[in-house]
């Protein structure tokens, strides 16, 4: 099932229709039916609101916690199979290659420690094999503290770094590119990680500049910086022009929700294009950092994230 297009200059009405097709698709309807729901009536805004509420009741296993702390539900084999099949149909399973031969910028999204290592590794693989990037590579994270399981994984992988997500991203850049230190550093320590920011820029020979950026939260009294915060913060620090094609790297399971977040925070206000791809698990260089098992509960959680992201995108679209 195709996601809303990332081409620049797409009218709001077109993206509204594309959101409606994804939301109203047979795989999502089958999941709602399996979990005892009725398909909501009304216009797209009403359907999105009802699906948001429905998924909160049935598919929110985090309950405000970080993803690693989400509970894992027990499903019968038929339900588990339906969830996995639906996730594949909705675009959360298979990796796809970049669509264009050239991009203005490449964004690498942070996450848990293993994801930081895998995504940076895949992004550098893309830089060396194509497509070309004419602007910069931005590696986006936050000052989220590392958990004990993340610290153990890093120790087993032989990665020495600091205490936060952005430290892992920075270490991954240095290890993957073979660079000892950044060429430029900037930032602001506000005394609290939700208010602070940092920027470290590397200039590898023969490649575009690579900037590792930690963003402040847009709601610092409530939470840490999330994906949309990092995207907005980056856009404020780079000359992002209308029509610029931007390639974004994440994990396949997060492609739908993070793609729609990027459409809302970057494509709609700046007029740029967005192409979102997941790390290809078949790349041999990534084998040293295996992906944790993705369960039906994890997929349902991220289908809920996609619903919420599409709801936010729909609310932000201009008319026409």
C-alpha atoms as a PDB file:
ATOM      1  CA  UNK A   1       0.000   0.000   0.000  1.00  0.00           C
ATOM      2  CA  UNK A   2       1.581   3.255  -1.146  1.00  0.00           C
ATOM      3  CA  UNK A   3       2.266   6.034   1.339  1.00  0.00           C
ATOM      4  CA  UNK A   4       1.427   9.687   0.616  1.00  0.00           C
ATOM      5  CA  UNK A   5       3.764  10.934  -2.084  1.00  0.00           C
ATOM      6  CA  UNK A   6       6.923  12.759  -1.118  1.00  0.00           C
ATOM      7  CA  UNK A   7       7.199  14.683  -4.388  1.00  0.00           C
ATOM      8  CA  UNK A   8       7.551  18.437  -3.871  1.00  0.00           C
ATOM      9  CA  UNK A   9       4.712  20.772  -4.698  1.00  0.00           C
ATOM     10  CA  UNK A  10       1.892  18.236  -4.314  1.00  0.00           C
ATOM     11  CA  UNK A  11      -1.482  19.908  -3.617  1.00  0.00           C
ATOM     12  CA  UNK A  12      -3.048  19.260  -0.231  1.00  0.00           C
ATOM     13  CA  UNK A  13      -6.067  17.621  -1.840  1.00  0.00           C
ATOM     14  CA  UNK A  14      -3.851  15.011  -3.515  1.00  0.00           C
ATOM     15  CA  UNK A  15      -2.137  14.101  -0.244  1.00  0.00           C
ATOM     16  CA  UNK A  16      -5.541  13.962   1.457  1.00  0.00           C
ATOM     17  CA  UNK A  17      -6.687  11.391  -1.097  1.00  0.00           C
ATOM     18  CA  UNK A  18      -3.472   9.406  -0.600  1.00  0.00           C
ATOM     19  CA  UNK A  19      -3.913   9.397   3.182  1.00  0.00           C
ATOM     20  CA  UNK A  20      -7.480   8.212   2.671  1.00  0.00           C
ATOM     21  CA  UNK A  21      -6.362   5.301   0.490  1.00  0.00           C
ATOM     22  CA  UNK A  22      -3.776   4.101   3.007  1.00  0.00           C
ATOM     23  CA  UNK A  23      -6.107   4.530   5.967  1.00  0.00           C
ATOM     24  CA  UNK A  24      -9.046   2.898   4.200  1.00  0.00           C
ATOM     25  CA  UNK A  25      -7.037  -0.007   2.800  1.00  0.00           C
ATOM     26  CA  UNK A  26      -8.114  -3.626   3.180  1.00  0.00           C
ATOM     27  CA  UNK A  27      -5.194  -4.602   5.485  1.00  0.00           C
ATOM     28  CA  UNK A  28      -6.043  -1.898   8.035  1.00  0.00           C
ATOM     29  CA  UNK A  29      -9.756  -2.682   7.843  1.00  0.00           C
ATOM     30  CA  UNK A  30      -8.973  -6.350   8.482  1.00  0.00           C
ATOM     31  CA  UNK A  31      -6.991  -5.465  11.600  1.00  0.00           C
ATOM     32  CA  UNK A  32      -9.770  -3.273  12.979  1.00  0.00           C
ATOM     33  CA  UNK A  33     -12.256  -6.078  12.371  1.00  0.00           C
ATOM     34  CA  UNK A  34      -9.997  -8.700  14.021  1.00  0.00           C
ATOM     35  CA  UNK A  35      -9.747  -6.585  17.163  1.00  0.00           C
ATOM     36  CA  UNK A  36     -13.501  -6.156  17.444  1.00  0.00           C
ATOM     37  CA  UNK A  37     -13.933  -2.730  15.914  1.00  0.00           C
ATOM     38  CA  UNK A  38     -16.383  -1.288  13.421  1.00  0.00           C
ATOM     39  CA  UNK A  39     -15.056   0.839  10.615  1.00  0.00           C
ATOM     40  CA  UNK A  40     -15.759   4.489  11.553  1.00  0.00           C
ATOM     41  CA  UNK A  41     -18.187   6.639   9.625  1.00  0.00           C
ATOM     42  CA  UNK A  42     -17.750  10.231   8.537  1.00  0.00           C
ATOM     43  CA  UNK A  43     -15.158  12.245   6.640  1.00  0.00           C
ATOM     44  CA  UNK A  44     -11.437  11.510   6.716  1.00  0.00           C
ATOM     45  CA  UNK A  45     -10.818  13.668   9.793  1.00  0.00           C
ATOM     46  CA  UNK A  46     -13.490  11.747  11.702  1.00  0.00           C
ATOM     47  CA  UNK A  47     -12.155   8.375  10.535  1.00  0.00           C
ATOM     48  CA  UNK A  48      -8.614   9.307  11.582  1.00  0.00           C
ATOM     49  CA  UNK A  49      -9.813  10.488  14.999  1.00  0.00           C
ATOM     50  CA  UNK A  50     -11.761   7.262  15.575  1.00  0.00           C
ATOM     51  CA  UNK A  51      -8.847   5.089  14.444  1.00  0.00           C
ATOM     52  CA  UNK A  52      -6.516   7.019  16.736  1.00  0.00           C
ATOM     53  CA  UNK A  53      -8.832   6.325  19.664  1.00  0.00           C
ATOM     54  CA  UNK A  54      -9.342   2.679  18.649  1.00  0.00           C
ATOM     55  CA  UNK A  55      -5.619   2.033  18.320  1.00  0.00           C
ATOM     56  CA  UNK A  56      -5.039   3.666  21.714  1.00  0.00           C
ATOM     57  CA  UNK A  57      -7.382   1.118  23.287  1.00  0.00           C
ATOM     58  CA  UNK A  58      -6.083  -1.950  21.462  1.00  0.00           C
ATOM     59  CA  UNK A  59      -2.574  -1.334  20.053  1.00  0.00           C
ATOM     60  CA  UNK A  60      -0.831   1.003  22.496  1.00  0.00           C
ATOM     61  CA  UNK A  61       1.542  -1.277  24.395  1.00  0.00           C
ATOM     62  CA  UNK A  62       3.902   1.545  25.399  1.00  0.00           C
ATOM     63  CA  UNK A  63       1.456   3.522  27.564  1.00  0.00           C
ATOM     64  CA  UNK A  64       3.846   6.487  27.563  1.00  0.00           C
ATOM     65  CA  UNK A  65       6.987   4.403  28.048  1.00  0.00           C
ATOM     66  CA  UNK A  66       9.981   4.190  25.708  1.00  0.00           C
ATOM     67  CA  UNK A  67       9.695   1.532  22.996  1.00  0.00           C
ATOM     68  CA  UNK A  68      11.959  -1.044  24.705  1.00  0.00           C
ATOM     69  CA  UNK A  69       9.730  -0.911  27.776  1.00  0.00           C
ATOM     70  CA  UNK A  70       6.500  -1.690  25.922  1.00  0.00           C
ATOM     71  CA  UNK A  71       4.705  -4.844  27.020  1.00  0.00           C
ATOM     72  CA  UNK A  72       4.481  -7.678  24.497  1.00  0.00           C
ATOM     73  CA  UNK A  73       0.924  -8.976  24.061  1.00  0.00           C
ATOM     74  CA  UNK A  74       0.092 -12.622  23.473  1.00  0.00           C
ATOM     75  CA  UNK A  75      -1.852 -13.355  20.275  1.00  0.00           C
ATOM     76  CA  UNK A  76      -3.259 -16.541  18.848  1.00  0.00           C
ATOM     77  CA  UNK A  77      -1.451 -17.790  15.717  1.00  0.00           C
ATOM     78  CA  UNK A  78      -4.132 -16.534  13.334  1.00  0.00           C
ATOM     79  CA  UNK A  79      -4.071 -13.004  14.755  1.00  0.00           C
ATOM     80  CA  UNK A  80      -0.272 -12.928  14.787  1.00  0.00           C
ATOM     81  CA  UNK A  81      -0.188 -14.002  11.133  1.00  0.00           C
ATOM     82  CA  UNK A  82      -2.760 -11.363  10.166  1.00  0.00           C
ATOM     83  CA  UNK A  83      -0.773  -8.641  11.929  1.00  0.00           C
ATOM     84  CA  UNK A  84       2.456  -9.599  10.150  1.00  0.00           C
ATOM     85  CA  UNK A  85       0.750  -9.847   6.754  1.00  0.00           C
ATOM     86  CA  UNK A  86      -0.965  -6.495   7.267  1.00  0.00           C
ATOM     87  CA  UNK A  87       2.274  -4.835   8.365  1.00  0.00           C
ATOM     88  CA  UNK A  88       3.950  -6.040   5.171  1.00  0.00           C
ATOM     89  CA  UNK A  89       1.090  -4.769   3.020  1.00  0.00           C
ATOM     90  CA  UNK A  90       1.120  -1.380   4.791  1.00  0.00           C
ATOM     91  CA  UNK A  91       4.837  -0.838   4.144  1.00  0.00           C
ATOM     92  CA  UNK A  92       6.404  -1.630   7.536  1.00  0.00           C
ATOM     93  CA  UNK A  93       8.457  -4.715   6.625  1.00  0.00           C
ATOM     94  CA  UNK A  94      10.415  -4.614   3.370  1.00  0.00           C
ATOM     95  CA  UNK A  95      13.263  -2.229   2.596  1.00  0.00           C
ATOM     96  CA  UNK A  96      13.095  -0.307  -0.677  1.00  0.00           C
ATOM     97  CA  UNK A  97      15.994   1.472  -2.430  1.00  0.00           C
ATOM     98  CA  UNK A  98      16.098   5.258  -2.922  1.00  0.00           C
ATOM     99  CA  UNK A  99      13.987   6.359  -5.859  1.00  0.00           C
ATOM    100  CA  UNK A 100      16.198   9.159  -7.236  1.00  0.00           C
ATOM    101  CA  UNK A 101      19.817   9.339  -8.465  1.00  0.00           C
ATOM    102  CA  UNK A 102      20.453  12.635  -6.652  1.00  0.00           C
ATOM    103  CA  UNK A 103      19.299  14.291  -3.434  1.00  0.00           C
ATOM    104  CA  UNK A 104      19.936  17.701  -1.937  1.00  0.00           C
ATOM    105  CA  UNK A 105      20.299  16.277   1.588  1.00  0.00           C
ATOM    106  CA  UNK A 106      20.326  12.954   3.390  1.00  0.00           C
ATOM    107  CA  UNK A 107      18.751  12.647   6.861  1.00  0.00           C
ATOM    108  CA  UNK A 108      19.559   9.800   9.229  1.00  0.00           C
ATOM    109  CA  UNK A 109      17.107   9.418  12.098  1.00  0.00           C
ATOM    110  CA  UNK A 110      18.280   8.347  15.533  1.00  0.00           C
ATOM    111  CA  UNK A 111      16.692   5.738  17.758  1.00  0.00           C
ATOM    112  CA  UNK A 112      17.817   2.959  20.046  1.00  0.00           C
ATOM    113  CA  UNK A 113      21.546   2.252  20.095  1.00  0.00           C
ATOM    114  CA  UNK A 114      21.459  -0.660  17.639  1.00  0.00           C
ATOM    115  CA  UNK A 115      19.338   1.424  15.255  1.00  0.00           C
ATOM    116  CA  UNK A 116      21.797   4.335  15.424  1.00  0.00           C
ATOM    117  CA  UNK A 117      24.650   2.061  14.375  1.00  0.00           C
ATOM    118  CA  UNK A 118      22.669   0.343  11.610  1.00  0.00           C
ATOM    119  CA  UNK A 119      21.216   3.531  10.127  1.00  0.00           C
ATOM    120  CA  UNK A 120      24.509   5.403  10.043  1.00  0.00           C
ATOM    121  CA  UNK A 121      26.168   2.352   8.484  1.00  0.00           C
ATOM    122  CA  UNK A 122      23.473   2.104   5.825  1.00  0.00           C
ATOM    123  CA  UNK A 123      23.595   5.840   5.091  1.00  0.00           C
ATOM    124  CA  UNK A 124      27.361   5.721   4.534  1.00  0.00           C
ATOM    125  CA  UNK A 125      26.852   2.686   2.283  1.00  0.00           C
ATOM    126  CA  UNK A 126      24.400   4.758   0.223  1.00  0.00           C
ATOM    127  CA  UNK A 127      26.853   7.663   0.049  1.00  0.00           C
ATOM    128  CA  UNK A 128      29.545   5.400  -1.348  1.00  0.00           C
ATOM    129  CA  UNK A 129      27.368   3.475  -3.811  1.00  0.00           C
ATOM    130  CA  UNK A 130      24.824   6.111  -4.862  1.00  0.00           C
ATOM    131  CA  UNK A 131      22.681   8.162  -5.006  1.00  0.00           C
ATOM    132  CA  UNK A 132      24.682  11.391  -4.857  1.00  0.00           C
ATOM    133  CA  UNK A 133      24.070  14.046  -2.187  1.00  0.00           C
ATOM    134  CA  UNK A 134      24.846  17.644  -3.110  1.00  0.00           C
ATOM    135  CA  UNK A 135      24.189  19.272   0.258  1.00  0.00           C
ATOM    136  CA  UNK A 136      24.814  17.688   3.648  1.00  0.00           C
ATOM    137  CA  UNK A 137      24.167  14.520   5.594  1.00  0.00           C
ATOM    138  CA  UNK A 138      22.327  15.293   8.831  1.00  0.00           C
ATOM    139  CA  UNK A 139      22.303  12.659  11.574  1.00  0.00           C
ATOM    140  CA  UNK A 140      19.457  13.600  13.891  1.00  0.00           C
ATOM    141  CA  UNK A 141      19.087  12.597  17.527  1.00  0.00           C
ATOM    142  CA  UNK A 142      18.458  13.817  21.045  1.00  0.00           C
ATOM    143  CA  UNK A 143      19.935  13.702  24.536  1.00  0.00           C
ATOM    144  CA  UNK A 144      17.849  10.653  25.491  1.00  0.00           C
ATOM    145  CA  UNK A 145      19.814   8.688  28.115  1.00  0.00           C
ATOM    146  CA  UNK A 146      20.892   5.188  27.102  1.00  0.00           C
ATOM    147  CA  UNK A 147      19.269   2.249  28.859  1.00  0.00           C
ATOM    148  CA  UNK A 148      21.247  -0.559  30.460  1.00  0.00           C
ATOM    149  CA  UNK A 149      20.391  -3.012  27.614  1.00  0.00           C
ATOM    150  CA  UNK A 150      21.678  -0.437  25.109  1.00  0.00           C
ATOM    151  CA  UNK A 151      24.901  -0.047  27.074  1.00  0.00           C
ATOM    152  CA  UNK A 152      25.393  -3.823  27.111  1.00  0.00           C
ATOM    153  CA  UNK A 153      24.802  -4.053  23.368  1.00  0.00           C
ATOM    154  CA  UNK A 154      27.337  -1.303  22.691  1.00  0.00           C
ATOM    155  CA  UNK A 155      29.902  -2.977  24.918  1.00  0.00           C
ATOM    156  CA  UNK A 156      29.389  -6.287  23.104  1.00  0.00           C
ATOM    157  CA  UNK A 157      29.786  -4.508  19.758  1.00  0.00           C
ATOM    158  CA  UNK A 158      32.967  -2.808  20.963  1.00  0.00           C
ATOM    159  CA  UNK A 159      31.556   0.709  20.570  1.00  0.00           C
ATOM    160  CA  UNK A 160      32.821   3.252  23.088  1.00  0.00           C
ATOM    161  CA  UNK A 161      30.658   6.357  23.445  1.00  0.00           C
ATOM    162  CA  UNK A 162      28.977   8.632  25.954  1.00  0.00           C
ATOM    163  CA  UNK A 163      25.661   8.365  27.718  1.00  0.00           C
ATOM    164  CA  UNK A 164      23.042   9.519  25.206  1.00  0.00           C
ATOM    165  CA  UNK A 165      21.497   8.671  21.857  1.00  0.00           C
ATOM    166  CA  UNK A 166      23.368  11.474  20.103  1.00  0.00           C
ATOM    167  CA  UNK A 167      26.655  10.165  21.548  1.00  0.00           C
ATOM    168  CA  UNK A 168      25.963   6.814  19.869  1.00  0.00           C
ATOM    169  CA  UNK A 169      25.195   8.538  16.570  1.00  0.00           C
ATOM    170  CA  UNK A 170      28.418  10.525  16.832  1.00  0.00           C
ATOM    171  CA  UNK A 171      30.417   7.379  17.606  1.00  0.00           C
ATOM    172  CA  UNK A 172      28.789   5.595  14.665  1.00  0.00           C
ATOM    173  CA  UNK A 173      29.795   8.423  12.309  1.00  0.00           C
ATOM    174  CA  UNK A 174      33.390   8.388  13.544  1.00  0.00           C
ATOM    175  CA  UNK A 175      33.663   4.594  13.337  1.00  0.00           C
ATOM    176  CA  UNK A 176      32.014   4.267   9.933  1.00  0.00           C
ATOM    177  CA  UNK A 177      33.969   7.099   8.330  1.00  0.00           C
ATOM    178  CA  UNK A 178      37.227   6.442  10.188  1.00  0.00           C
ATOM    179  CA  UNK A 179      37.424   9.979  11.580  1.00  0.00           C
ATOM    180  CA  UNK A 180      38.906  10.820  14.997  1.00  0.00           C
ATOM    181  CA  UNK A 181      36.999  14.016  15.810  1.00  0.00           C
ATOM    182  CA  UNK A 182      34.600  16.565  14.334  1.00  0.00           C
ATOM    183  CA  UNK A 183      35.903  19.501  12.318  1.00  0.00           C
ATOM    184  CA  UNK A 184      33.391  21.891  13.908  1.00  0.00           C
ATOM    185  CA  UNK A 185      31.369  21.877  17.126  1.00  0.00           C
ATOM    186  CA  UNK A 186      28.571  24.140  18.305  1.00  0.00           C
ATOM    187  CA  UNK A 187      25.708  23.991  20.749  1.00  0.00           C
ATOM    188  CA  UNK A 188      24.058  25.316  23.865  1.00  0.00           C
ATOM    189  CA  UNK A 189      24.015  23.659  27.291  1.00  0.00           C
ATOM    190  CA  UNK A 190      20.914  24.998  28.993  1.00  0.00           C
ATOM    191  CA  UNK A 191      21.393  22.896  32.101  1.00  0.00           C
ATOM    192  CA  UNK A 192      18.679  20.441  31.093  1.00  0.00           C
ATOM    193  CA  UNK A 193      18.712  18.034  28.115  1.00  0.00           C
ATOM    194  CA  UNK A 194      15.197  18.990  26.999  1.00  0.00           C
ATOM    195  CA  UNK A 195      16.352  22.584  26.455  1.00  0.00           C
ATOM    196  CA  UNK A 196      19.885  21.968  25.143  1.00  0.00           C
ATOM    197  CA  UNK A 197      21.234  21.359  21.650  1.00  0.00           C
ATOM    198  CA  UNK A 198      24.504  20.331  20.028  1.00  0.00           C
ATOM    199  CA  UNK A 199      26.021  20.167  16.548  1.00  0.00           C
ATOM    200  CA  UNK A 200      29.160  18.314  15.398  1.00  0.00           C
ATOM    201  CA  UNK A 201      30.230  18.547  11.760  1.00  0.00           C
ATOM    202  CA  UNK A 202      32.604  16.167   9.966  1.00  0.00           C
ATOM    203  CA  UNK A 203      34.099  16.779   6.528  1.00  0.00           C
ATOM    204  CA  UNK A 204      35.149  13.388   5.131  1.00  0.00           C
ATOM    205  CA  UNK A 205      37.249  13.430   1.963  1.00  0.00           C
ATOM    206  CA  UNK A 206      35.224  12.764  -1.175  1.00  0.00           C
ATOM    207  CA  UNK A 207      31.871  12.835   0.633  1.00  0.00           C
ATOM    208  CA  UNK A 208      29.418  15.587   1.632  1.00  0.00           C
ATOM    209  CA  UNK A 209      29.723  17.106   5.114  1.00  0.00           C
ATOM    210  CA  UNK A 210      28.123  15.048   7.885  1.00  0.00           C
ATOM    211  CA  UNK A 211      26.461  16.889  10.764  1.00  0.00           C
ATOM    212  CA  UNK A 212      25.395  15.137  13.984  1.00  0.00           C
ATOM    213  CA  UNK A 213      22.642  17.202  15.557  1.00  0.00           C
ATOM    214  CA  UNK A 214      20.849  16.904  18.905  1.00  0.00           C
ATOM    215  CA  UNK A 215      17.687  18.961  19.070  1.00  0.00           C
ATOM    216  CA  UNK A 216      15.874  20.543  22.023  1.00  0.00           C
ATOM    217  CA  UNK A 217      12.294  19.575  22.760  1.00  0.00           C
ATOM    218  CA  UNK A 218       9.439  21.774  21.543  1.00  0.00           C
ATOM    219  CA  UNK A 219       7.651  20.855  24.803  1.00  0.00           C
ATOM    220  CA  UNK A 220      10.552  20.715  27.251  1.00  0.00           C
ATOM    221  CA  UNK A 221       8.353  20.689  30.351  1.00  0.00           C
ATOM    222  CA  UNK A 222       6.632  17.512  29.161  1.00  0.00           C
ATOM    223  CA  UNK A 223       9.075  15.330  27.215  1.00  0.00           C
ATOM    224  CA  UNK A 224      12.374  14.896  25.398  1.00  0.00           C
ATOM    225  CA  UNK A 225      12.825  15.871  21.753  1.00  0.00           C
ATOM    226  CA  UNK A 226      11.097  13.527  19.321  1.00  0.00           C
ATOM    227  CA  UNK A 227      11.497  12.904  15.572  1.00  0.00           C
ATOM    228  CA  UNK A 228       9.506  15.935  14.448  1.00  0.00           C
ATOM    229  CA  UNK A 229      11.518  18.200  16.771  1.00  0.00           C
ATOM    230  CA  UNK A 230      14.792  17.007  15.263  1.00  0.00           C
ATOM    231  CA  UNK A 231      13.505  17.507  11.724  1.00  0.00           C
ATOM    232  CA  UNK A 232      12.310  21.049  12.413  1.00  0.00           C
ATOM    233  CA  UNK A 233      15.514  21.949  14.228  1.00  0.00           C
ATOM    234  CA  UNK A 234      17.612  20.708  11.330  1.00  0.00           C
ATOM    235  CA  UNK A 235      15.494  22.620   8.791  1.00  0.00           C
ATOM    236  CA  UNK A 236      16.139  25.818  10.742  1.00  0.00           C
ATOM    237  CA  UNK A 237      19.909  25.246  10.516  1.00  0.00           C
ATOM    238  CA  UNK A 238      20.232  24.430   6.814  1.00  0.00           C
ATOM    239  CA  UNK A 239      19.201  26.243   3.659  1.00  0.00           C
ATOM    240  CA  UNK A 240      16.297  23.999   2.743  1.00  0.00           C
ATOM    241  CA  UNK A 241      14.751  25.222  -0.498  1.00  0.00           C
ATOM    242  CA  UNK A 242      11.453  24.510  -2.199  1.00  0.00           C
ATOM    243  CA  UNK A 243      11.867  21.588  -4.570  1.00  0.00           C
ATOM    244  CA  UNK A 244      14.916  20.156  -2.776  1.00  0.00           C
ATOM    245  CA  UNK A 245      14.693  16.341  -2.769  1.00  0.00           C
ATOM    246  CA  UNK A 246      15.547  14.991   0.698  1.00  0.00           C
ATOM    247  CA  UNK A 247      16.354  11.330   1.377  1.00  0.00           C
ATOM    248  CA  UNK A 248      15.586  10.049   4.885  1.00  0.00           C
ATOM    249  CA  UNK A 249      16.933   6.802   6.387  1.00  0.00           C
ATOM    250  CA  UNK A 250      15.204   4.946   9.207  1.00  0.00           C
ATOM    251  CA  UNK A 251      14.129   1.333   9.854  1.00  0.00           C
ATOM    252  CA  UNK A 252      11.417  -0.249   7.668  1.00  0.00           C
ATOM    253  CA  UNK A 253       9.010  -0.603  10.617  1.00  0.00           C
ATOM    254  CA  UNK A 254       9.087   3.185  11.155  1.00  0.00           C
ATOM    255  CA  UNK A 255       8.910   4.284   7.508  1.00  0.00           C
ATOM    256  CA  UNK A 256       5.155   5.081   7.391  1.00  0.00           C
ATOM    257  CA  UNK A 257       5.000   7.204  10.525  1.00  0.00           C
ATOM    258  CA  UNK A 258       8.330   8.959  10.083  1.00  0.00           C
ATOM    259  CA  UNK A 259       7.655   9.625   6.410  1.00  0.00           C
ATOM    260  CA  UNK A 260       4.383  11.345   7.284  1.00  0.00           C
ATOM    261  CA  UNK A 261       6.051  13.274  10.100  1.00  0.00           C
ATOM    262  CA  UNK A 262       8.627  14.534   7.597  1.00  0.00           C
ATOM    263  CA  UNK A 263       5.901  15.533   5.139  1.00  0.00           C
ATOM    264  CA  UNK A 264       4.249  17.566   7.906  1.00  0.00           C
ATOM    265  CA  UNK A 265       7.366  19.171   9.365  1.00  0.00           C
ATOM    266  CA  UNK A 266       9.457  19.598   6.199  1.00  0.00           C
ATOM    267  CA  UNK A 267       7.525  19.129   2.951  1.00  0.00           C
ATOM    268  CA  UNK A 268       4.433  21.172   3.858  1.00  0.00           C
ATOM    269  CA  UNK A 269       6.176  24.267   5.311  1.00  0.00           C
ATOM    270  CA  UNK A 270       9.299  24.241   3.103  1.00  0.00           C
ATOM    271  CA  UNK A 271       8.027  22.746  -0.157  1.00  0.00           C
ATOM    272  CA  UNK A 272      10.803  20.155  -0.330  1.00  0.00           C
ATOM    273  CA  UNK A 273      10.502  16.548  -1.448  1.00  0.00           C
ATOM    274  CA  UNK A 274      10.777  13.573   0.927  1.00  0.00           C
ATOM    275  CA  UNK A 275      11.870  10.037   0.044  1.00  0.00           C
ATOM    276  CA  UNK A 276      11.934   7.741   3.104  1.00  0.00           C
ATOM    277  CA  UNK A 277      13.742   4.405   3.020  1.00  0.00           C
ATOM    278  CA  UNK A 278      14.387   1.692   5.579  1.00  0.00           C
ATOM    279  CA  UNK A 279      17.742   0.079   6.271  1.00  0.00           C
ATOM    280  CA  UNK A 280      18.291  -2.953   4.044  1.00  0.00           C
ATOM    281  CA  UNK A 281      18.848  -5.881   6.458  1.00  0.00           C
ATOM    282  CA  UNK A 282      20.607  -7.878   3.730  1.00  0.00           C
ATOM    283  CA  UNK A 283      23.612  -5.537   3.723  1.00  0.00           C
ATOM    284  CA  UNK A 284      26.539  -7.640   5.037  1.00  0.00           C
ATOM    285  CA  UNK A 285      28.180  -4.689   6.795  1.00  0.00           C
ATOM    286  CA  UNK A 286      25.217  -4.480   9.182  1.00  0.00           C
ATOM    287  CA  UNK A 287      25.431  -8.094  10.334  1.00  0.00           C
ATOM    288  CA  UNK A 288      27.615  -7.193  13.344  1.00  0.00           C
ATOM    289  CA  UNK A 289      24.691  -5.224  14.799  1.00  0.00           C
ATOM    290  CA  UNK A 290      21.626  -7.468  14.411  1.00  0.00           C
ATOM    291  CA  UNK A 291      18.105  -6.081  14.499  1.00  0.00           C
ATOM    292  CA  UNK A 292      16.061  -7.263  17.511  1.00  0.00           C
ATOM    293  CA  UNK A 293      13.135  -9.536  16.734  1.00  0.00           C
ATOM    294  CA  UNK A 294      10.141  -7.571  15.491  1.00  0.00           C
ATOM    295  CA  UNK A 295       6.983  -9.036  17.013  1.00  0.00           C
ATOM    296  CA  UNK A 296       3.298  -8.607  16.142  1.00  0.00           C
ATOM    297  CA  UNK A 297       2.994  -6.266  19.120  1.00  0.00           C
ATOM    298  CA  UNK A 298       5.786  -4.074  17.789  1.00  0.00           C
ATOM    299  CA  UNK A 299       4.159  -3.891  14.375  1.00  0.00           C
ATOM    300  CA  UNK A 300       0.759  -2.981  15.805  1.00  0.00           C
ATOM    301  CA  UNK A 301       2.370  -0.242  17.899  1.00  0.00           C
ATOM    302  CA  UNK A 302       3.931   1.302  14.791  1.00  0.00           C
ATOM    303  CA  UNK A 303       0.745   0.937  12.754  1.00  0.00           C
ATOM    304  CA  UNK A 304      -0.802   3.051  15.507  1.00  0.00           C
ATOM    305  CA  UNK A 305       2.102   5.511  15.153  1.00  0.00           C
ATOM    306  CA  UNK A 306       1.402   5.723  11.417  1.00  0.00           C
ATOM    307  CA  UNK A 307      -2.287   6.438  12.033  1.00  0.00           C
ATOM    308  CA  UNK A 308      -1.429   9.221  14.454  1.00  0.00           C
ATOM    309  CA  UNK A 309       1.186  10.669  12.102  1.00  0.00           C
ATOM    310  CA  UNK A 310      -1.258  10.661   9.190  1.00  0.00           C
ATOM    311  CA  UNK A 311      -3.861  12.346  11.372  1.00  0.00           C
ATOM    312  CA  UNK A 312      -1.385  15.112  12.236  1.00  0.00           C
ATOM    313  CA  UNK A 313      -0.345  15.436   8.594  1.00  0.00           C
ATOM    314  CA  UNK A 314      -3.952  15.665   7.431  1.00  0.00           C
ATOM    315  CA  UNK A 315      -4.627  18.457   9.945  1.00  0.00           C
ATOM    316  CA  UNK A 316      -1.587  20.382   8.671  1.00  0.00           C
ATOM    317  CA  UNK A 317      -2.352  20.145   4.942  1.00  0.00           C
ATOM    318  CA  UNK A 318      -3.356  23.329   3.160  1.00  0.00           C
ATOM    319  CA  UNK A 319      -6.648  23.222   1.260  1.00  0.00           C
ATOM    320  CA  UNK A 320      -6.603  22.605  -2.453  1.00  0.00           C
END
